Amino acid sequence: MYKCVFAISYREDRPREAMYQYWERVHAPLVLAVPGLVKYVLSDVVEDLGDTPFDGLAELYFADRAAYDAAMASDYWTDTVVADGENFLDTSKTFGAILEENQLR
């Protein structure tokens, strides 16, 4: 499986709880419709253990690199998912990475 993770930061001009609710109730259904997506996990920071530089993690799983590349190149990703992110994210602080997961237990 191919994993992409975004460390997200909420907009600071709105209440934090409202930003999480938007992410879960409005944005997540848009992400779930991304072509080729097989798993989507939201993780909201509920306790900061030492200057955590983000508010949550979004994990997107695809079958392989080709499925990921196709999703990221799609008009739906850019015109719908990325565009909607402006409604709740501080995009200047949000970043992503491709990760290789190695589950040990």
PDB file of N, CA and C in Angstrom:
ATOM      1  N   MET A   1       0.839  -1.168   0.000  1.00  0.00           N
ATOM      2  CA  MET A   1       0.000   0.000   0.000  1.00  0.00           C
ATOM      3  C   MET A   1       0.890   1.240   0.000  1.00  0.00           C
ATOM      4  N   TYR A   2       0.420   2.303  -0.622  1.00  0.00           N
ATOM      5  CA  TYR A   2       1.172   3.543  -0.765  1.00  0.00           C
ATOM      6  C   TYR A   2       0.540   4.596   0.141  1.00  0.00           C
ATOM      7  N   LYS A   3       1.335   5.207   1.008  1.00  0.00           N
ATOM      8  CA  LYS A   3       0.816   6.095   2.054  1.00  0.00           C
ATOM      9  C   LYS A   3       1.346   7.517   1.899  1.00  0.00           C
ATOM     10  N   CYS A   4       0.415   8.444   1.942  1.00  0.00           N
ATOM     11  CA  CYS A   4       0.725   9.867   1.924  1.00  0.00           C
ATOM     12  C   CYS A   4       0.150  10.470   3.206  1.00  0.00           C
ATOM     13  N   VAL A   5       0.941  11.265   3.906  1.00  0.00           N
ATOM     14  CA  VAL A   5       0.490  11.878   5.155  1.00  0.00           C
ATOM     15  C   VAL A   5       0.626  13.388   5.052  1.00  0.00           C
ATOM     16  N   PHE A   6      -0.416  14.073   5.509  1.00  0.00           N
ATOM     17  CA  PHE A   6      -0.375  15.531   5.602  1.00  0.00           C
ATOM     18  C   PHE A   6      -0.443  15.922   7.074  1.00  0.00           C
ATOM     19  N   ALA A   7       0.522  16.709   7.534  1.00  0.00           N
ATOM     20  CA  ALA A   7       0.469  17.309   8.868  1.00  0.00           C
ATOM     21  C   ALA A   7      -0.238  18.644   8.670  1.00  0.00           C
ATOM     22  N   ILE A   8      -1.420  18.753   9.241  1.00  0.00           N
ATOM     23  CA  ILE A   8      -2.246  19.924   8.972  1.00  0.00           C
ATOM     24  C   ILE A   8      -2.243  20.891  10.154  1.00  0.00           C
ATOM     25  N   SER A   9      -2.400  22.154   9.829  1.00  0.00           N
ATOM     26  CA  SER A   9      -2.558  23.207  10.836  1.00  0.00           C
ATOM     27  C   SER A   9      -3.850  23.941  10.529  1.00  0.00           C
ATOM     28  N   TYR A  10      -4.649  24.136  11.564  1.00  0.00           N
ATOM     29  CA  TYR A  10      -5.924  24.829  11.403  1.00  0.00           C
ATOM     30  C   TYR A  10      -5.719  26.332  11.253  1.00  0.00           C
ATOM     31  N   ARG A  11      -6.693  26.950  10.596  1.00  0.00           N
ATOM     32  CA  ARG A  11      -6.724  28.413  10.552  1.00  0.00           C
ATOM     33  C   ARG A  11      -6.848  28.932  11.981  1.00  0.00           C
ATOM     34  N   GLU A  12      -6.197  30.019  12.276  1.00  0.00           N
ATOM     35  CA  GLU A  12      -6.216  30.570  13.628  1.00  0.00           C
ATOM     36  C   GLU A  12      -7.320  31.603  13.834  1.00  0.00           C
ATOM     37  N   ASP A  13      -8.012  31.983  12.760  1.00  0.00           N
ATOM     38  CA  ASP A  13      -9.052  33.007  12.881  1.00  0.00           C
ATOM     39  C   ASP A  13     -10.422  32.430  13.238  1.00  0.00           C
ATOM     40  N   ARG A  14     -10.472  31.127  13.500  1.00  0.00           N
ATOM     41  CA  ARG A  14     -11.716  30.465  13.879  1.00  0.00           C
ATOM     42  C   ARG A  14     -11.434  29.505  15.032  1.00  0.00           C
ATOM     43  N   PRO A  15     -12.461  29.148  15.813  1.00  0.00           N
ATOM     44  CA  PRO A  15     -12.237  28.233  16.946  1.00  0.00           C
ATOM     45  C   PRO A  15     -11.709  26.875  16.493  1.00  0.00           C
ATOM     46  N   ARG A  16     -10.779  26.346  17.252  1.00  0.00           N
ATOM     47  CA  ARG A  16     -10.149  25.064  16.923  1.00  0.00           C
ATOM     48  C   ARG A  16     -11.177  23.952  16.739  1.00  0.00           C
ATOM     49  N   GLU A  17     -12.131  23.843  17.657  1.00  0.00           N
ATOM     50  CA  GLU A  17     -13.143  22.791  17.570  1.00  0.00           C
ATOM     51  C   GLU A  17     -13.955  22.911  16.281  1.00  0.00           C
ATOM     52  N   ALA A  18     -14.248  24.130  15.868  1.00  0.00           N
ATOM     53  CA  ALA A  18     -14.989  24.342  14.619  1.00  0.00           C
ATOM     54  C   ALA A  18     -14.174  23.865  13.418  1.00  0.00           C
ATOM     55  N   MET A  19     -12.858  24.050  13.490  1.00  0.00           N
ATOM     56  CA  MET A  19     -12.009  23.623  12.379  1.00  0.00           C
ATOM     57  C   MET A  19     -11.972  22.098  12.293  1.00  0.00           C
ATOM     58  N   TYR A  20     -11.901  21.411  13.453  1.00  0.00           N
ATOM     59  CA  TYR A  20     -11.920  19.951  13.410  1.00  0.00           C
ATOM     60  C   TYR A  20     -13.263  19.448  12.887  1.00  0.00           C
ATOM     61  N   GLN A  21     -14.345  20.043  13.338  1.00  0.00           N
ATOM     62  CA  GLN A  21     -15.677  19.626  12.880  1.00  0.00           C
ATOM     63  C   GLN A  21     -15.805  19.815  11.369  1.00  0.00           C
ATOM     64  N   TYR A  22     -15.270  20.900  10.851  1.00  0.00           N
ATOM     65  CA  TYR A  22     -15.292  21.131   9.407  1.00  0.00           C
ATOM     66  C   TYR A  22     -14.496  20.045   8.700  1.00  0.00           C
ATOM     67  N   TRP A  23     -13.314  19.752   9.213  1.00  0.00           N
ATOM     68  CA  TRP A  23     -12.450  18.732   8.617  1.00  0.00           C
ATOM     69  C   TRP A  23     -13.183  17.390   8.547  1.00  0.00           C
ATOM     70  N   GLU A  24     -13.773  17.001   9.654  1.00  0.00           N
ATOM     71  CA  GLU A  24     -14.426  15.697   9.737  1.00  0.00           C
ATOM     72  C   GLU A  24     -15.736  15.626   8.941  1.00  0.00           C
ATOM     73  N   ARG A  25     -16.535  16.666   9.020  1.00  0.00           N
ATOM     74  CA  ARG A  25     -17.884  16.607   8.450  1.00  0.00           C
ATOM     75  C   ARG A  25     -18.008  17.124   7.032  1.00  0.00           C
ATOM     76  N   VAL A  26     -17.155  18.057   6.634  1.00  0.00           N
ATOM     77  CA  VAL A  26     -17.256  18.653   5.303  1.00  0.00           C
ATOM     78  C   VAL A  26     -16.103  18.200   4.395  1.00  0.00           C
ATOM     79  N   HIS A  27     -14.879  18.374   4.876  1.00  0.00           N
ATOM     80  CA  HIS A  27     -13.723  18.075   4.032  1.00  0.00           C
ATOM     81  C   HIS A  27     -13.508  16.575   3.837  1.00  0.00           C
ATOM     82  N   ALA A  28     -13.634  15.794   4.892  1.00  0.00           N
ATOM     83  CA  ALA A  28     -13.379  14.349   4.797  1.00  0.00           C
ATOM     84  C   ALA A  28     -14.240  13.671   3.732  1.00  0.00           C
ATOM     85  N   PRO A  29     -15.541  13.963   3.638  1.00  0.00           N
ATOM     86  CA  PRO A  29     -16.317  13.334   2.566  1.00  0.00           C
ATOM     87  C   PRO A  29     -15.791  13.672   1.170  1.00  0.00           C
ATOM     88  N   LEU A  30     -15.222  14.851   1.007  1.00  0.00           N
ATOM     89  CA  LEU A  30     -14.620  15.210  -0.285  1.00  0.00           C
ATOM     90  C   LEU A  30     -13.396  14.350  -0.549  1.00  0.00           C
ATOM     91  N   VAL A  31     -12.567  14.153   0.476  1.00  0.00           N
ATOM     92  CA  VAL A  31     -11.365  13.327   0.328  1.00  0.00           C
ATOM     93  C   VAL A  31     -11.752  11.878   0.049  1.00  0.00           C
ATOM     94  N   LEU A  32     -12.787  11.395   0.718  1.00  0.00           N
ATOM     95  CA  LEU A  32     -13.216  10.006   0.516  1.00  0.00           C
ATOM     96  C   LEU A  32     -13.634   9.726  -0.919  1.00  0.00           C
ATOM     97  N   ALA A  33     -13.957  10.770  -1.673  1.00  0.00           N
ATOM     98  CA  ALA A  33     -14.351  10.606  -3.077  1.00  0.00           C
ATOM     99  C   ALA A  33     -13.169  10.703  -4.045  1.00  0.00           C
ATOM    100  N   VAL A  34     -11.951  10.860  -3.528  1.00  0.00           N
ATOM    101  CA  VAL A  34     -10.757  10.939  -4.385  1.00  0.00           C
ATOM    102  C   VAL A  34     -10.590   9.622  -5.124  1.00  0.00           C
ATOM    103  N   PRO A  35     -10.433   9.667  -6.438  1.00  0.00           N
ATOM    104  CA  PRO A  35     -10.255   8.439  -7.217  1.00  0.00           C
ATOM    105  C   PRO A  35      -9.034   7.644  -6.745  1.00  0.00           C
ATOM    106  N   GLY A  36      -9.227   6.355  -6.506  1.00  0.00           N
ATOM    107  CA  GLY A  36      -8.121   5.476  -6.133  1.00  0.00           C
ATOM    108  C   GLY A  36      -7.818   5.408  -4.649  1.00  0.00           C
ATOM    109  N   LEU A  37      -8.453   6.243  -3.827  1.00  0.00           N
ATOM    110  CA  LEU A  37      -8.210   6.222  -2.391  1.00  0.00           C
ATOM    111  C   LEU A  37      -8.796   4.947  -1.797  1.00  0.00           C
ATOM    112  N   VAL A  38      -7.996   4.227  -1.008  1.00  0.00           N
ATOM    113  CA  VAL A  38      -8.490   2.982  -0.400  1.00  0.00           C
ATOM    114  C   VAL A  38      -8.648   3.085   1.115  1.00  0.00           C
ATOM    115  N   LYS A  39      -8.002   4.089   1.744  1.00  0.00           N
ATOM    116  CA  LYS A  39      -8.132   4.257   3.193  1.00  0.00           C
ATOM    117  C   LYS A  39      -7.813   5.708   3.527  1.00  0.00           C
ATOM    118  N   TYR A  40      -8.569   6.263   4.481  1.00  0.00           N
ATOM    119  CA  TYR A  40      -8.350   7.645   4.913  1.00  0.00           C
ATOM    120  C   TYR A  40      -8.496   7.693   6.422  1.00  0.00           C
ATOM    121  N   VAL A  41      -7.465   8.184   7.115  1.00  0.00           N
ATOM    122  CA  VAL A  41      -7.467   8.249   8.572  1.00  0.00           C
ATOM    123  C   VAL A  41      -7.209   9.684   9.008  1.00  0.00           C
ATOM    124  N   LEU A  42      -8.068  10.200   9.895  1.00  0.00           N
ATOM    125  CA  LEU A  42      -7.873  11.519  10.490  1.00  0.00           C
ATOM    126  C   LEU A  42      -7.380  11.328  11.913  1.00  0.00           C
ATOM    127  N   SER A  43      -6.383  12.092  12.310  1.00  0.00           N
ATOM    128  CA  SER A  43      -5.897  12.077  13.689  1.00  0.00           C
ATOM    129  C   SER A  43      -5.763  13.521  14.143  1.00  0.00           C
ATOM    130  N   ASP A  44      -6.570  13.881  15.146  1.00  0.00           N
ATOM    131  CA  ASP A  44      -6.567  15.229  15.689  1.00  0.00           C
ATOM    132  C   ASP A  44      -5.705  15.244  16.945  1.00  0.00           C
ATOM    133  N   VAL A  45      -4.829  16.228  17.083  1.00  0.00           N
ATOM    134  CA  VAL A  45      -4.013  16.351  18.287  1.00  0.00           C
ATOM    135  C   VAL A  45      -4.936  16.715  19.451  1.00  0.00           C
ATOM    136  N   VAL A  46      -4.982  15.864  20.458  1.00  0.00           N
ATOM    137  CA  VAL A  46      -5.833  16.125  21.626  1.00  0.00           C
ATOM    138  C   VAL A  46      -5.012  16.504  22.857  1.00  0.00           C
ATOM    139  N   GLU A  47      -3.719  16.222  22.795  1.00  0.00           N
ATOM    140  CA  GLU A  47      -2.825  16.630  23.881  1.00  0.00           C
ATOM    141  C   GLU A  47      -1.447  16.872  23.293  1.00  0.00           C
ATOM    142  N   ASP A  48      -0.942  18.052  23.503  1.00  0.00           N
ATOM    143  CA  ASP A  48       0.376  18.417  23.002  1.00  0.00           C
ATOM    144  C   ASP A  48       1.425  17.948  24.003  1.00  0.00           C
ATOM    145  N   LEU A  49       2.365  17.132  23.544  1.00  0.00           N
ATOM    146  CA  LEU A  49       3.398  16.595  24.422  1.00  0.00           C
ATOM    147  C   LEU A  49       4.713  17.364  24.315  1.00  0.00           C
ATOM    148  N   GLY A  50       4.653  18.542  23.701  1.00  0.00           N
ATOM    149  CA  GLY A  50       5.882  19.332  23.614  1.00  0.00           C
ATOM    150  C   GLY A  50       6.037  20.090  22.322  1.00  0.00           C
ATOM    151  N   ASP A  51       5.311  21.156  22.169  1.00  0.00           N
ATOM    152  CA  ASP A  51       5.428  22.042  21.005  1.00  0.00           C
ATOM    153  C   ASP A  51       5.178  21.340  19.676  1.00  0.00           C
ATOM    154  N   THR A  52       4.118  20.574  19.608  1.00  0.00           N
ATOM    155  CA  THR A  52       3.730  19.917  18.359  1.00  0.00           C
ATOM    156  C   THR A  52       3.462  20.988  17.299  1.00  0.00           C
ATOM    157  N   PRO A  53       4.122  20.904  16.140  1.00  0.00           N
ATOM    158  CA  PRO A  53       3.998  21.972  15.142  1.00  0.00           C
ATOM    159  C   PRO A  53       2.802  21.819  14.191  1.00  0.00           C
ATOM    160  N   PHE A  54       1.834  20.968  14.545  1.00  0.00           N
ATOM    161  CA  PHE A  54       0.654  20.788  13.696  1.00  0.00           C
ATOM    162  C   PHE A  54      -0.545  20.438  14.568  1.00  0.00           C
ATOM    163  N   ASP A  55      -1.743  20.504  13.971  1.00  0.00           N
ATOM    164  CA  ASP A  55      -2.983  20.230  14.699  1.00  0.00           C
ATOM    165  C   ASP A  55      -3.553  18.840  14.433  1.00  0.00           C
ATOM    166  N   GLY A  56      -3.110  18.210  13.379  1.00  0.00           N
ATOM    167  CA  GLY A  56      -3.615  16.879  13.073  1.00  0.00           C
ATOM    168  C   GLY A  56      -2.863  16.251  11.923  1.00  0.00           C
ATOM    169  N   LEU A  57      -3.150  14.964  11.709  1.00  0.00           N
ATOM    170  CA  LEU A  57      -2.556  14.218  10.599  1.00  0.00           C
ATOM    171  C   LEU A  57      -3.662  13.627   9.747  1.00  0.00           C
ATOM    172  N   ALA A  58      -3.489  13.716   8.450  1.00  0.00           N
ATOM    173  CA  ALA A  58      -4.382  13.063   7.502  1.00  0.00           C
ATOM    174  C   ALA A  58      -3.557  12.009   6.778  1.00  0.00           C
ATOM    175  N   GLU A  59      -3.977  10.758   6.887  1.00  0.00           N
ATOM    176  CA  GLU A  59      -3.278   9.653   6.225  1.00  0.00           C
ATOM    177  C   GLU A  59      -4.124   9.187   5.053  1.00  0.00           C
ATOM    178  N   LEU A  60      -3.563   9.222   3.865  1.00  0.00           N
ATOM    179  CA  LEU A  60      -4.250   8.780   2.658  1.00  0.00           C
ATOM    180  C   LEU A  60      -3.513   7.574   2.100  1.00  0.00           C
ATOM    181  N   TYR A  61      -4.237   6.503   1.859  1.00  0.00           N
ATOM    182  CA  TYR A  61      -3.650   5.258   1.365  1.00  0.00           C
ATOM    183  C   TYR A  61      -4.168   4.956  -0.041  1.00  0.00           C
ATOM    184  N   PHE A  62      -3.259   4.531  -0.887  1.00  0.00           N
ATOM    185  CA  PHE A  62      -3.567   4.138  -2.260  1.00  0.00           C
ATOM    186  C   PHE A  62      -2.955   2.768  -2.516  1.00  0.00           C
ATOM    187  N   ALA A  63      -3.449   2.067  -3.511  1.00  0.00           N
ATOM    188  CA  ALA A  63      -2.941   0.733  -3.821  1.00  0.00           C
ATOM    189  C   ALA A  63      -1.459   0.774  -4.201  1.00  0.00           C
ATOM    190  N   ASP A  64      -1.060   1.811  -4.924  1.00  0.00           N
ATOM    191  CA  ASP A  64       0.318   1.901  -5.399  1.00  0.00           C
ATOM    192  C   ASP A  64       0.635   3.336  -5.818  1.00  0.00           C
ATOM    193  N   ARG A  65       1.850   3.559  -6.250  1.00  0.00           N
ATOM    194  CA  ARG A  65       2.296   4.895  -6.658  1.00  0.00           C
ATOM    195  C   ARG A  65       1.487   5.411  -7.840  1.00  0.00           C
ATOM    196  N   ALA A  66       1.147   4.550  -8.764  1.00  0.00           N
ATOM    197  CA  ALA A  66       0.385   4.985  -9.942  1.00  0.00           C
ATOM    198  C   ALA A  66      -0.987   5.526  -9.534  1.00  0.00           C
ATOM    199  N   ALA A  67      -1.640   4.865  -8.591  1.00  0.00           N
ATOM    200  CA  ALA A  67      -2.947   5.336  -8.115  1.00  0.00           C
ATOM    201  C   ALA A  67      -2.808   6.677  -7.404  1.00  0.00           C
ATOM    202  N   TYR A  68      -1.767   6.824  -6.604  1.00  0.00           N
ATOM    203  CA  TYR A  68      -1.499   8.095  -5.927  1.00  0.00           C
ATOM    204  C   TYR A  68      -1.250   9.206  -6.952  1.00  0.00           C
ATOM    205  N   ASP A  69      -0.365   8.939  -7.919  1.00  0.00           N
ATOM    206  CA  ASP A  69      -0.049   9.941  -8.942  1.00  0.00           C
ATOM    207  C   ASP A  69      -1.299  10.370  -9.711  1.00  0.00           C
ATOM    208  N   ALA A  70      -2.139   9.416 -10.062  1.00  0.00           N
ATOM    209  CA  ALA A  70      -3.365   9.736 -10.794  1.00  0.00           C
ATOM    210  C   ALA A  70      -4.299  10.603  -9.948  1.00  0.00           C
ATOM    211  N   ALA A  71      -4.415  10.271  -8.668  1.00  0.00           N
ATOM    212  CA  ALA A  71      -5.285  11.053  -7.779  1.00  0.00           C
ATOM    213  C   ALA A  71      -4.774  12.484  -7.639  1.00  0.00           C
ATOM    214  N   MET A  72      -3.475  12.640  -7.419  1.00  0.00           N
ATOM    215  CA  MET A  72      -2.910  13.974  -7.227  1.00  0.00           C
ATOM    216  C   MET A  72      -2.962  14.813  -8.497  1.00  0.00           C
ATOM    217  N   ALA A  73      -2.954  14.165  -9.649  1.00  0.00           N
ATOM    218  CA  ALA A  73      -3.009  14.878 -10.929  1.00  0.00           C
ATOM    219  C   ALA A  73      -4.437  15.175 -11.379  1.00  0.00           C
ATOM    220  N   SER A  74      -5.405  14.631 -10.656  1.00  0.00           N
ATOM    221  CA  SER A  74      -6.797  14.797 -11.078  1.00  0.00           C
ATOM    222  C   SER A  74      -7.304  16.211 -10.822  1.00  0.00           C
ATOM    223  N   ASP A  75      -8.209  16.654 -11.682  1.00  0.00           N
ATOM    224  CA  ASP A  75      -8.862  17.948 -11.480  1.00  0.00           C
ATOM    225  C   ASP A  75      -9.645  17.938 -10.174  1.00  0.00           C
ATOM    226  N   TYR A  76     -10.215  16.784  -9.810  1.00  0.00           N
ATOM    227  CA  TYR A  76     -10.981  16.693  -8.568  1.00  0.00           C
ATOM    228  C   TYR A  76     -10.099  17.035  -7.373  1.00  0.00           C
ATOM    229  N   TRP A  77      -8.882  16.516  -7.331  1.00  0.00           N
ATOM    230  CA  TRP A  77      -7.983  16.800  -6.212  1.00  0.00           C
ATOM    231  C   TRP A  77      -7.724  18.303  -6.112  1.00  0.00           C
ATOM    232  N   THR A  78      -7.351  18.905  -7.222  1.00  0.00           N
ATOM    233  CA  THR A  78      -6.998  20.327  -7.214  1.00  0.00           C
ATOM    234  C   THR A  78      -8.211  21.230  -7.021  1.00  0.00           C
ATOM    235  N   ASP A  79      -9.244  21.000  -7.813  1.00  0.00           N
ATOM    236  CA  ASP A  79     -10.393  21.911  -7.825  1.00  0.00           C
ATOM    237  C   ASP A  79     -11.338  21.722  -6.653  1.00  0.00           C
ATOM    238  N   THR A  80     -11.336  20.544  -6.053  1.00  0.00           N
ATOM    239  CA  THR A  80     -12.269  20.282  -4.960  1.00  0.00           C
ATOM    240  C   THR A  80     -11.551  20.136  -3.625  1.00  0.00           C
ATOM    241  N   VAL A  81     -10.655  19.174  -3.516  1.00  0.00           N
ATOM    242  CA  VAL A  81     -10.013  18.885  -2.224  1.00  0.00           C
ATOM    243  C   VAL A  81      -9.068  20.013  -1.801  1.00  0.00           C
ATOM    244  N   VAL A  82      -8.144  20.366  -2.652  1.00  0.00           N
ATOM    245  CA  VAL A  82      -7.182  21.419  -2.302  1.00  0.00           C
ATOM    246  C   VAL A  82      -7.905  22.747  -2.106  1.00  0.00           C
ATOM    247  N   ALA A  83      -8.823  23.068  -3.001  1.00  0.00           N
ATOM    248  CA  ALA A  83      -9.562  24.331  -2.883  1.00  0.00           C
ATOM    249  C   ALA A  83     -10.340  24.404  -1.572  1.00  0.00           C
ATOM    250  N   ASP A  84     -10.951  23.300  -1.151  1.00  0.00           N
ATOM    251  CA  ASP A  84     -11.718  23.305   0.093  1.00  0.00           C
ATOM    252  C   ASP A  84     -10.816  23.433   1.314  1.00  0.00           C
ATOM    253  N   GLY A  85      -9.583  22.995   1.224  1.00  0.00           N
ATOM    254  CA  GLY A  85      -8.662  23.106   2.346  1.00  0.00           C
ATOM    255  C   GLY A  85      -8.510  24.538   2.842  1.00  0.00           C
ATOM    256  N   GLU A  86      -8.652  25.500   1.947  1.00  0.00           N
ATOM    257  CA  GLU A  86      -8.547  26.911   2.328  1.00  0.00           C
ATOM    258  C   GLU A  86      -9.588  27.297   3.374  1.00  0.00           C
ATOM    259  N   ASN A  87     -10.679  26.536   3.462  1.00  0.00           N
ATOM    260  CA  ASN A  87     -11.756  26.861   4.390  1.00  0.00           C
ATOM    261  C   ASN A  87     -11.425  26.554   5.852  1.00  0.00           C
ATOM    262  N   PHE A  88     -10.442  25.682   6.097  1.00  0.00           N
ATOM    263  CA  PHE A  88     -10.139  25.337   7.483  1.00  0.00           C
ATOM    264  C   PHE A  88      -8.647  25.202   7.788  1.00  0.00           C
ATOM    265  N   LEU A  89      -7.811  25.179   6.771  1.00  0.00           N
ATOM    266  CA  LEU A  89      -6.373  24.984   6.977  1.00  0.00           C
ATOM    267  C   LEU A  89      -5.581  26.274   6.868  1.00  0.00           C
ATOM    268  N   ASP A  90      -4.514  26.350   7.632  1.00  0.00           N
ATOM    269  CA  ASP A  90      -3.485  27.359   7.404  1.00  0.00           C
ATOM    270  C   ASP A  90      -2.496  26.677   6.464  1.00  0.00           C
ATOM    271  N   THR A  91      -2.658  26.913   5.180  1.00  0.00           N
ATOM    272  CA  THR A  91      -1.858  26.188   4.187  1.00  0.00           C
ATOM    273  C   THR A  91      -0.377  26.543   4.240  1.00  0.00           C
ATOM    274  N   SER A  92      -0.042  27.676   4.869  1.00  0.00           N
ATOM    275  CA  SER A  92       1.375  28.029   4.983  1.00  0.00           C
ATOM    276  C   SER A  92       2.092  27.148   6.009  1.00  0.00           C
ATOM    277  N   LYS A  93       1.322  26.468   6.864  1.00  0.00           N
ATOM    278  CA  LYS A  93       1.904  25.606   7.894  1.00  0.00           C
ATOM    279  C   LYS A  93       1.612  24.120   7.663  1.00  0.00           C
ATOM    280  N   THR A  94       0.849  23.805   6.640  1.00  0.00           N
ATOM    281  CA  THR A  94       0.474  22.423   6.355  1.00  0.00           C
ATOM    282  C   THR A  94       1.476  21.827   5.377  1.00  0.00           C
ATOM    283  N   PHE A  95       1.917  20.597   5.646  1.00  0.00           N
ATOM    284  CA  PHE A  95       2.909  19.960   4.776  1.00  0.00           C
ATOM    285  C   PHE A  95       2.620  18.471   4.663  1.00  0.00           C
ATOM    286  N   GLY A  96       3.169  17.860   3.643  1.00  0.00           N
ATOM    287  CA  GLY A  96       2.924  16.447   3.421  1.00  0.00           C
ATOM    288  C   GLY A  96       4.194  15.683   3.116  1.00  0.00           C
ATOM    289  N   ALA A  97       4.064  14.350   3.161  1.00  0.00           N
ATOM    290  CA  ALA A  97       5.191  13.470   2.862  1.00  0.00           C
ATOM    291  C   ALA A  97       4.669  12.093   2.480  1.00  0.00           C
ATOM    292  N   ILE A  98       5.448  11.397   1.709  1.00  0.00           N
ATOM    293  CA  ILE A  98       5.183  10.001   1.401  1.00  0.00           C
ATOM    294  C   ILE A  98       5.928   9.184   2.458  1.00  0.00           C
ATOM    295  N   LEU A  99       5.231   8.276   3.106  1.00  0.00           N
ATOM    296  CA  LEU A  99       5.841   7.460   4.166  1.00  0.00           C
ATOM    297  C   LEU A  99       5.782   5.993   3.815  1.00  0.00           C
ATOM    298  N   GLU A 100       6.772   5.273   4.252  1.00  0.00           N
ATOM    299  CA  GLU A 100       6.739   3.807   4.169  1.00  0.00           C
ATOM    300  C   GLU A 100       6.429   3.296   5.565  1.00  0.00           C
ATOM    301  N   GLU A 101       5.295   2.639   5.681  1.00  0.00           N
ATOM    302  CA  GLU A 101       4.850   2.140   6.979  1.00  0.00           C
ATOM    303  C   GLU A 101       5.434   0.762   7.225  1.00  0.00           C
ATOM    304  N   ASN A 102       5.921   0.548   8.444  1.00  0.00           N
ATOM    305  CA  ASN A 102       6.481  -0.736   8.843  1.00  0.00           C
ATOM    306  C   ASN A 102       5.851  -1.116  10.185  1.00  0.00           C
ATOM    307  N   GLN A 103       4.738  -1.799  10.120  1.00  0.00           N
ATOM    308  CA  GLN A 103       4.012  -2.159  11.345  1.00  0.00           C
ATOM    309  C   GLN A 103       4.705  -3.335  12.020  1.00  0.00           C
ATOM    310  N   LEU A 104       5.110  -3.131  13.259  1.00  0.00           N
ATOM    311  CA  LEU A 104       5.849  -4.157  13.997  1.00  0.00           C
ATOM    312  C   LEU A 104       4.969  -4.944  14.946  1.00  0.00           C
ATOM    313  N   ARG A 105       3.826  -4.418  15.294  1.00  0.00           N
ATOM    314  CA  ARG A 105       2.897  -5.162  16.157  1.00  0.00           C
ATOM    315  C   ARG A 105       1.496  -4.821  15.774  1.00  0.00           C
TER     316      ARG A 105
END
